[in-house]
Amino acid sequence: MSDTPLASPMTPDAPPPMAKPVAKPMTKTRLEAFSDGVIAIIITIMVLELHTPDSVSVEALLHILPTFLLYALSFIYVGIYWNNHHHLLHATQRINGATLWANSHLLFWLSLVPFSTRWMGESDFATIPTAFYGFTLLMPSIAYYILVRVLIACNGQNSLLTTAIGKDVKGMISTGLYIAGIALTFWNSFAGLACYVAVALIWLVPDRRIEHD
C-alpha cells in the first residue's frame, strides 16, 4: 500500500467543481419587437390598397369615400389591438413557449384584415364579404382571449396581470357583438357593419385596467 497521501479536493491538483448552467428566463423583448413589426406591416398593406381618385373632381373623391371609411375602420381595429397588446405585455412578467404560439395565432388573424377589408370594399358590401370581414374581426378577439389566458397561466393567479384583467366584460360583449354582426349581415350588410362599428367605439376609449393597476 502506497504511503502517498490522497489529494484533497481543495488542493491545486484537483479541478474545481463545475457549476451547473442556469437557464435564463425567456424575455418579452423580441416578442414585443416582432409583434410591433408585423402590425406595422399590416397597416402598411392596408394603406397601399387605397387608390387615388380617377379624376380631380369632388365626385371622384366621393366615389372612393366608402373605401376610405372602411380603411379607417380597419385601421382603428388594428390600432386597438396594438394598444391593448402593448398594455398586456407591459403587465406581463414572464412568458413561455406557449405564449409565443398564442401571440403568433393572434398575428395570423390580424394579418387577414387587409384582405377582408379590400374584398368587402370591392364587393360594395356584399353579404359574404361583409360576413367574412366580421369573421376576421371575431377570430382576433378569440385569439387575444387565448393569449390572455396563456399569459395568466404563465404568470400565476396572483399576478398583476390577472388582477388587471378581471372578468373582461368588454371582451365578452365584443365577442357577442361580432357574432350578432355576422348573423345580421345575412339580413342586411349594413346592420352587420353597424355591429362592427359599435365594437370599435367600445374599445376606442383605451382600457385603463392595466394602467391603473
C-alpha atoms as a PDB file:
ATOM      1  CA  MET A   1       0.000   0.000   0.000  1.00  0.00           C
ATOM      2  CA  SER A   2       1.440   3.378  -1.027  1.00  0.00           C
ATOM      3  CA  ASP A   3       2.292   5.941   1.628  1.00  0.00           C
ATOM      4  CA  THR A   4       1.473   8.820  -0.794  1.00  0.00           C
ATOM      5  CA  PRO A   5      -1.423  10.837   0.656  1.00  0.00           C
ATOM      6  CA  LEU A   6      -4.551  11.292  -1.450  1.00  0.00           C
ATOM      7  CA  ALA A   7      -5.007  14.724  -2.986  1.00  0.00           C
ATOM      8  CA  SER A   8      -7.506  16.855  -1.152  1.00  0.00           C
ATOM      9  CA  PRO A   9     -10.392  18.287  -3.210  1.00  0.00           C
ATOM     10  CA  MET A  10      -9.166  21.748  -2.192  1.00  0.00           C
ATOM     11  CA  THR A  11      -5.590  21.246  -3.454  1.00  0.00           C
ATOM     12  CA  PRO A  12      -4.473  22.807  -6.753  1.00  0.00           C
ATOM     13  CA  ASP A  13      -4.194  19.326  -8.272  1.00  0.00           C
ATOM     14  CA  ALA A  14      -7.988  18.810  -8.177  1.00  0.00           C
ATOM     15  CA  PRO A  15     -10.164  20.695 -10.725  1.00  0.00           C
ATOM     16  CA  PRO A  16     -12.822  22.949  -9.219  1.00  0.00           C
ATOM     17  CA  PRO A  17     -16.359  21.578  -9.303  1.00  0.00           C
ATOM     18  CA  MET A  18     -18.294  22.652 -12.397  1.00  0.00           C
ATOM     19  CA  ALA A  19     -21.230  24.937 -11.732  1.00  0.00           C
ATOM     20  CA  LYS A  20     -24.481  23.766 -13.275  1.00  0.00           C
ATOM     21  CA  PRO A  21     -25.665  26.111 -16.043  1.00  0.00           C
ATOM     22  CA  VAL A  22     -28.722  28.077 -15.058  1.00  0.00           C
ATOM     23  CA  ALA A  23     -31.258  28.725 -17.801  1.00  0.00           C
ATOM     24  CA  LYS A  24     -32.165  32.380 -18.140  1.00  0.00           C
ATOM     25  CA  PRO A  25     -35.872  33.181 -18.119  1.00  0.00           C
ATOM     26  CA  MET A  26     -37.395  33.979 -21.504  1.00  0.00           C
ATOM     27  CA  THR A  27     -37.730  37.725 -22.018  1.00  0.00           C
ATOM     28  CA  LYS A  28     -40.546  39.532 -23.828  1.00  0.00           C
ATOM     29  CA  THR A  29     -38.353  41.998 -25.750  1.00  0.00           C
ATOM     30  CA  ARG A  30     -38.240  40.063 -29.016  1.00  0.00           C
ATOM     31  CA  LEU A  31     -41.918  39.181 -28.740  1.00  0.00           C
ATOM     32  CA  GLU A  32     -42.826  42.858 -28.490  1.00  0.00           C
ATOM     33  CA  ALA A  33     -40.490  43.844 -31.338  1.00  0.00           C
ATOM     34  CA  PHE A  34     -41.786  41.084 -33.628  1.00  0.00           C
ATOM     35  CA  SER A  35     -45.424  41.921 -32.880  1.00  0.00           C
ATOM     36  CA  ASP A  36     -44.867  45.647 -33.480  1.00  0.00           C
ATOM     37  CA  GLY A  37     -43.187  44.867 -36.800  1.00  0.00           C
ATOM     38  CA  VAL A  38     -45.994  42.605 -38.023  1.00  0.00           C
ATOM     39  CA  ILE A  39     -48.692  45.093 -37.027  1.00  0.00           C
ATOM     40  CA  ALA A  40     -46.801  47.890 -38.801  1.00  0.00           C
ATOM     41  CA  ILE A  41     -46.672  45.777 -41.969  1.00  0.00           C
ATOM     42  CA  ILE A  42     -50.412  45.054 -41.720  1.00  0.00           C
ATOM     43  CA  ILE A  43     -51.174  48.781 -41.575  1.00  0.00           C
ATOM     44  CA  THR A  44     -48.788  49.442 -44.460  1.00  0.00           C
ATOM     45  CA  ILE A  45     -50.532  46.830 -46.624  1.00  0.00           C
ATOM     46  CA  MET A  46     -53.907  48.406 -45.902  1.00  0.00           C
ATOM     47  CA  VAL A  47     -52.813  51.903 -46.851  1.00  0.00           C
ATOM     48  CA  LEU A  48     -51.239  50.590 -50.065  1.00  0.00           C
ATOM     49  CA  GLU A  49     -54.668  49.233 -51.019  1.00  0.00           C
ATOM     50  CA  LEU A  50     -56.007  52.804 -51.130  1.00  0.00           C
ATOM     51  CA  HIS A  51     -56.134  54.184 -54.640  1.00  0.00           C
ATOM     52  CA  THR A  52     -56.277  57.803 -55.744  1.00  0.00           C
ATOM     53  CA  PRO A  53     -59.459  59.105 -57.415  1.00  0.00           C
ATOM     54  CA  ASP A  54     -59.795  58.665 -61.162  1.00  0.00           C
ATOM     55  CA  SER A  55     -60.027  62.431 -61.621  1.00  0.00           C
ATOM     56  CA  VAL A  56     -59.615  65.659 -59.670  1.00  0.00           C
ATOM     57  CA  SER A  57     -63.350  66.229 -59.209  1.00  0.00           C
ATOM     58  CA  VAL A  58     -65.242  66.131 -55.944  1.00  0.00           C
ATOM     59  CA  GLU A  59     -67.468  63.406 -57.396  1.00  0.00           C
ATOM     60  CA  ALA A  60     -64.443  61.165 -57.922  1.00  0.00           C
ATOM     61  CA  LEU A  61     -63.362  61.759 -54.340  1.00  0.00           C
ATOM     62  CA  LEU A  62     -66.840  60.927 -53.035  1.00  0.00           C
ATOM     63  CA  HIS A  63     -66.766  57.746 -55.098  1.00  0.00           C
ATOM     64  CA  ILE A  64     -63.857  56.346 -53.064  1.00  0.00           C
ATOM     65  CA  LEU A  65     -65.180  57.683 -49.735  1.00  0.00           C
ATOM     66  CA  PRO A  66     -66.715  54.322 -48.660  1.00  0.00           C
ATOM     67  CA  THR A  67     -63.368  52.625 -49.305  1.00  0.00           C
ATOM     68  CA  PHE A  68     -61.573  55.250 -47.237  1.00  0.00           C
ATOM     69  CA  LEU A  69     -64.052  54.914 -44.354  1.00  0.00           C
ATOM     70  CA  LEU A  70     -63.634  51.145 -44.426  1.00  0.00           C
ATOM     71  CA  TYR A  71     -59.862  51.580 -44.322  1.00  0.00           C
ATOM     72  CA  ALA A  72     -60.276  53.928 -41.346  1.00  0.00           C
ATOM     73  CA  LEU A  73     -62.403  51.338 -39.514  1.00  0.00           C
ATOM     74  CA  SER A  74     -59.839  48.589 -40.105  1.00  0.00           C
ATOM     75  CA  PHE A  75     -57.008  50.922 -39.093  1.00  0.00           C
ATOM     76  CA  ILE A  76     -58.812  51.669 -35.830  1.00  0.00           C
ATOM     77  CA  TYR A  77     -59.236  47.950 -35.177  1.00  0.00           C
ATOM     78  CA  VAL A  78     -55.568  47.181 -35.748  1.00  0.00           C
ATOM     79  CA  GLY A  79     -54.640  50.183 -33.602  1.00  0.00           C
ATOM     80  CA  ILE A  80     -56.894  48.922 -30.802  1.00  0.00           C
ATOM     81  CA  TYR A  81     -55.190  45.543 -30.837  1.00  0.00           C
ATOM     82  CA  TRP A  82     -51.748  47.150 -30.855  1.00  0.00           C
ATOM     83  CA  ASN A  83     -52.724  49.379 -27.925  1.00  0.00           C
ATOM     84  CA  ASN A  84     -54.154  46.550 -25.833  1.00  0.00           C
ATOM     85  CA  HIS A  85     -51.296  44.209 -26.772  1.00  0.00           C
ATOM     86  CA  HIS A  86     -48.812  46.826 -25.560  1.00  0.00           C
ATOM     87  CA  HIS A  87     -50.596  47.197 -22.229  1.00  0.00           C
ATOM     88  CA  LEU A  88     -50.963  43.438 -21.879  1.00  0.00           C
ATOM     89  CA  LEU A  89     -47.243  42.792 -22.236  1.00  0.00           C
ATOM     90  CA  HIS A  90     -46.446  45.770 -20.016  1.00  0.00           C
ATOM     91  CA  ALA A  91     -48.185  43.977 -17.133  1.00  0.00           C
ATOM     92  CA  THR A  92     -46.575  40.636 -18.002  1.00  0.00           C
ATOM     93  CA  GLN A  93     -43.556  39.496 -16.011  1.00  0.00           C
ATOM     94  CA  ARG A  94     -42.933  36.100 -17.630  1.00  0.00           C
ATOM     95  CA  ILE A  95     -43.566  34.434 -20.975  1.00  0.00           C
ATOM     96  CA  ASN A  96     -43.018  30.909 -22.254  1.00  0.00           C
ATOM     97  CA  GLY A  97     -43.189  28.893 -25.457  1.00  0.00           C
ATOM     98  CA  ALA A  98     -46.968  28.698 -25.320  1.00  0.00           C
ATOM     99  CA  THR A  99     -47.048  32.498 -25.222  1.00  0.00           C
ATOM    100  CA  LEU A 100     -45.083  32.690 -28.472  1.00  0.00           C
ATOM    101  CA  TRP A 101     -47.546  30.401 -30.249  1.00  0.00           C
ATOM    102  CA  ALA A 102     -50.591  32.183 -28.818  1.00  0.00           C
ATOM    103  CA  ASN A 103     -49.140  35.518 -29.933  1.00  0.00           C
ATOM    104  CA  SER A 104     -48.431  34.169 -33.437  1.00  0.00           C
ATOM    105  CA  HIS A 105     -52.019  32.898 -33.569  1.00  0.00           C
ATOM    106  CA  LEU A 106     -53.259  36.433 -32.871  1.00  0.00           C
ATOM    107  CA  LEU A 107     -50.982  37.954 -35.509  1.00  0.00           C
ATOM    108  CA  PHE A 108     -52.147  35.418 -38.091  1.00  0.00           C
ATOM    109  CA  TRP A 109     -55.768  36.507 -37.811  1.00  0.00           C
ATOM    110  CA  LEU A 110     -54.828  40.188 -37.773  1.00  0.00           C
ATOM    111  CA  SER A 111     -52.857  39.675 -40.983  1.00  0.00           C
ATOM    112  CA  LEU A 112     -56.123  38.726 -42.756  1.00  0.00           C
ATOM    113  CA  VAL A 113     -57.736  42.103 -42.019  1.00  0.00           C
ATOM    114  CA  PRO A 114     -56.256  43.837 -45.121  1.00  0.00           C
ATOM    115  CA  PHE A 115     -57.558  41.029 -47.333  1.00  0.00           C
ATOM    116  CA  SER A 116     -61.089  41.080 -45.901  1.00  0.00           C
ATOM    117  CA  THR A 117     -61.126  44.886 -45.943  1.00  0.00           C
ATOM    118  CA  ARG A 118     -60.326  45.005 -49.643  1.00  0.00           C
ATOM    119  CA  TRP A 119     -62.760  42.222 -50.518  1.00  0.00           C
ATOM    120  CA  MET A 120     -65.652  43.913 -48.733  1.00  0.00           C
ATOM    121  CA  GLY A 121     -64.815  47.274 -50.276  1.00  0.00           C
ATOM    122  CA  GLU A 122     -64.530  45.922 -53.825  1.00  0.00           C
ATOM    123  CA  SER A 123     -67.794  43.992 -53.464  1.00  0.00           C
ATOM    124  CA  ASP A 124     -69.738  47.110 -52.391  1.00  0.00           C
ATOM    125  CA  PHE A 125     -70.559  45.480 -49.041  1.00  0.00           C
ATOM    126  CA  ALA A 126     -71.988  42.260 -50.438  1.00  0.00           C
ATOM    127  CA  THR A 127     -73.236  39.706 -47.911  1.00  0.00           C
ATOM    128  CA  ILE A 128     -70.481  37.094 -47.928  1.00  0.00           C
ATOM    129  CA  PRO A 129     -67.520  39.539 -47.971  1.00  0.00           C
ATOM    130  CA  THR A 130     -69.118  41.584 -45.165  1.00  0.00           C
ATOM    131  CA  ALA A 131     -69.740  38.453 -43.103  1.00  0.00           C
ATOM    132  CA  PHE A 132     -66.168  37.329 -43.760  1.00  0.00           C
ATOM    133  CA  TYR A 133     -64.919  40.729 -42.618  1.00  0.00           C
ATOM    134  CA  GLY A 134     -66.778  40.167 -39.358  1.00  0.00           C
ATOM    135  CA  PHE A 135     -65.208  36.721 -39.106  1.00  0.00           C
ATOM    136  CA  THR A 136     -61.726  38.246 -39.439  1.00  0.00           C
ATOM    137  CA  LEU A 137     -62.617  40.574 -36.563  1.00  0.00           C
ATOM    138  CA  LEU A 138     -64.097  37.813 -34.426  1.00  0.00           C
ATOM    139  CA  MET A 139     -61.103  35.484 -34.706  1.00  0.00           C
ATOM    140  CA  PRO A 140     -58.509  38.001 -33.427  1.00  0.00           C
ATOM    141  CA  SER A 141     -60.850  38.608 -30.493  1.00  0.00           C
ATOM    142  CA  ILE A 142     -60.811  34.888 -29.681  1.00  0.00           C
ATOM    143  CA  ALA A 143     -57.054  34.696 -30.276  1.00  0.00           C
ATOM    144  CA  TYR A 144     -56.477  37.635 -27.932  1.00  0.00           C
ATOM    145  CA  TYR A 145     -58.561  35.903 -25.261  1.00  0.00           C
ATOM    146  CA  ILE A 146     -56.420  32.770 -25.657  1.00  0.00           C
ATOM    147  CA  LEU A 147     -53.241  34.862 -25.381  1.00  0.00           C
ATOM    148  CA  VAL A 148     -54.514  36.445 -22.157  1.00  0.00           C
ATOM    149  CA  ARG A 149     -55.338  33.047 -20.649  1.00  0.00           C
ATOM    150  CA  VAL A 150     -51.912  31.676 -21.598  1.00  0.00           C
ATOM    151  CA  LEU A 151     -50.188  34.671 -20.004  1.00  0.00           C
ATOM    152  CA  ILE A 152     -52.275  34.358 -16.842  1.00  0.00           C
ATOM    153  CA  ALA A 153     -51.357  30.672 -16.590  1.00  0.00           C
ATOM    154  CA  CYS A 154     -47.677  31.591 -17.038  1.00  0.00           C
ATOM    155  CA  ASN A 155     -47.665  34.483 -14.547  1.00  0.00           C
ATOM    156  CA  GLY A 156     -49.938  32.987 -11.893  1.00  0.00           C
ATOM    157  CA  GLN A 157     -53.359  33.748 -10.473  1.00  0.00           C
ATOM    158  CA  ASN A 158     -51.932  36.296  -8.016  1.00  0.00           C
ATOM    159  CA  SER A 159     -50.058  38.297 -10.650  1.00  0.00           C
ATOM    160  CA  LEU A 160     -50.645  41.929 -11.583  1.00  0.00           C
ATOM    161  CA  LEU A 161     -51.898  40.778 -14.983  1.00  0.00           C
ATOM    162  CA  THR A 162     -54.597  38.517 -13.507  1.00  0.00           C
ATOM    163  CA  THR A 163     -55.801  41.280 -11.198  1.00  0.00           C
ATOM    164  CA  ALA A 164     -55.894  43.828 -14.004  1.00  0.00           C
ATOM    165  CA  ILE A 165     -57.794  41.648 -16.486  1.00  0.00           C
ATOM    166  CA  GLY A 166     -60.528  40.671 -14.053  1.00  0.00           C
ATOM    167  CA  LYS A 167     -63.693  39.285 -15.655  1.00  0.00           C
ATOM    168  CA  ASP A 168     -63.065  41.045 -19.001  1.00  0.00           C
ATOM    169  CA  VAL A 169     -66.699  42.074 -19.521  1.00  0.00           C
ATOM    170  CA  LYS A 170     -65.812  44.272 -22.510  1.00  0.00           C
ATOM    171  CA  GLY A 171     -64.190  41.334 -24.231  1.00  0.00           C
ATOM    172  CA  MET A 172     -67.270  39.146 -23.799  1.00  0.00           C
ATOM    173  CA  ILE A 173     -69.586  41.912 -25.035  1.00  0.00           C
ATOM    174  CA  SER A 174     -67.366  42.430 -28.076  1.00  0.00           C
ATOM    175  CA  THR A 175     -67.401  38.755 -28.987  1.00  0.00           C
ATOM    176  CA  GLY A 176     -71.187  38.717 -28.727  1.00  0.00           C
ATOM    177  CA  LEU A 177     -71.482  41.763 -30.990  1.00  0.00           C
ATOM    178  CA  TYR A 178     -69.180  40.195 -33.587  1.00  0.00           C
ATOM    179  CA  ILE A 179     -71.331  37.068 -33.708  1.00  0.00           C
ATOM    180  CA  ALA A 180     -74.513  39.149 -33.890  1.00  0.00           C
ATOM    181  CA  GLY A 181     -72.997  41.278 -36.652  1.00  0.00           C
ATOM    182  CA  ILE A 182     -72.065  38.258 -38.748  1.00  0.00           C
ATOM    183  CA  ALA A 183     -75.595  36.857 -38.368  1.00  0.00           C
ATOM    184  CA  LEU A 184     -77.226  40.207 -39.169  1.00  0.00           C
ATOM    185  CA  THR A 185     -75.153  40.513 -42.319  1.00  0.00           C
ATOM    186  CA  PHE A 186     -77.280  37.807 -43.959  1.00  0.00           C
ATOM    187  CA  TRP A 187     -80.300  40.028 -43.374  1.00  0.00           C
ATOM    188  CA  ASN A 188     -78.673  43.375 -44.134  1.00  0.00           C
ATOM    189  CA  SER A 189     -74.968  44.020 -44.667  1.00  0.00           C
ATOM    190  CA  PHE A 190     -75.077  47.456 -43.111  1.00  0.00           C
ATOM    191  CA  ALA A 191     -76.777  46.124 -39.971  1.00  0.00           C
ATOM    192  CA  GLY A 192     -73.837  43.784 -39.521  1.00  0.00           C
ATOM    193  CA  LEU A 193     -71.403  46.585 -40.258  1.00  0.00           C
ATOM    194  CA  ALA A 194     -73.098  48.684 -37.560  1.00  0.00           C
ATOM    195  CA  CYS A 195     -72.237  45.977 -35.005  1.00  0.00           C
ATOM    196  CA  TYR A 196     -68.586  46.051 -36.095  1.00  0.00           C
ATOM    197  CA  VAL A 197     -68.524  49.838 -35.703  1.00  0.00           C
ATOM    198  CA  ALA A 198     -70.128  49.531 -32.263  1.00  0.00           C
ATOM    199  CA  VAL A 199     -67.328  47.247 -31.056  1.00  0.00           C
ATOM    200  CA  ALA A 200     -64.726  49.709 -32.339  1.00  0.00           C
ATOM    201  CA  LEU A 201     -66.435  52.503 -30.424  1.00  0.00           C
ATOM    202  CA  ILE A 202     -66.438  50.409 -27.246  1.00  0.00           C
ATOM    203  CA  TRP A 203     -62.684  49.910 -27.468  1.00  0.00           C
ATOM    204  CA  LEU A 204     -61.855  53.351 -28.831  1.00  0.00           C
ATOM    205  CA  VAL A 205     -61.633  54.504 -25.238  1.00  0.00           C
ATOM    206  CA  PRO A 206     -58.429  52.815 -24.007  1.00  0.00           C
ATOM    207  CA  ASP A 207     -58.773  50.036 -21.477  1.00  0.00           C
ATOM    208  CA  ARG A 208     -57.418  51.575 -18.249  1.00  0.00           C
ATOM    209  CA  ARG A 209     -57.451  48.430 -16.110  1.00  0.00           C
ATOM    210  CA  ILE A 210     -53.778  47.629 -16.527  1.00  0.00           C
ATOM    211  CA  GLU A 211     -52.676  51.274 -16.336  1.00  0.00           C
ATOM    212  CA  HIS A 212     -54.491  51.746 -13.031  1.00  0.00           C
ATOM    213  CA  ASP A 213     -53.049  48.586 -11.575  1.00  0.00           C
END
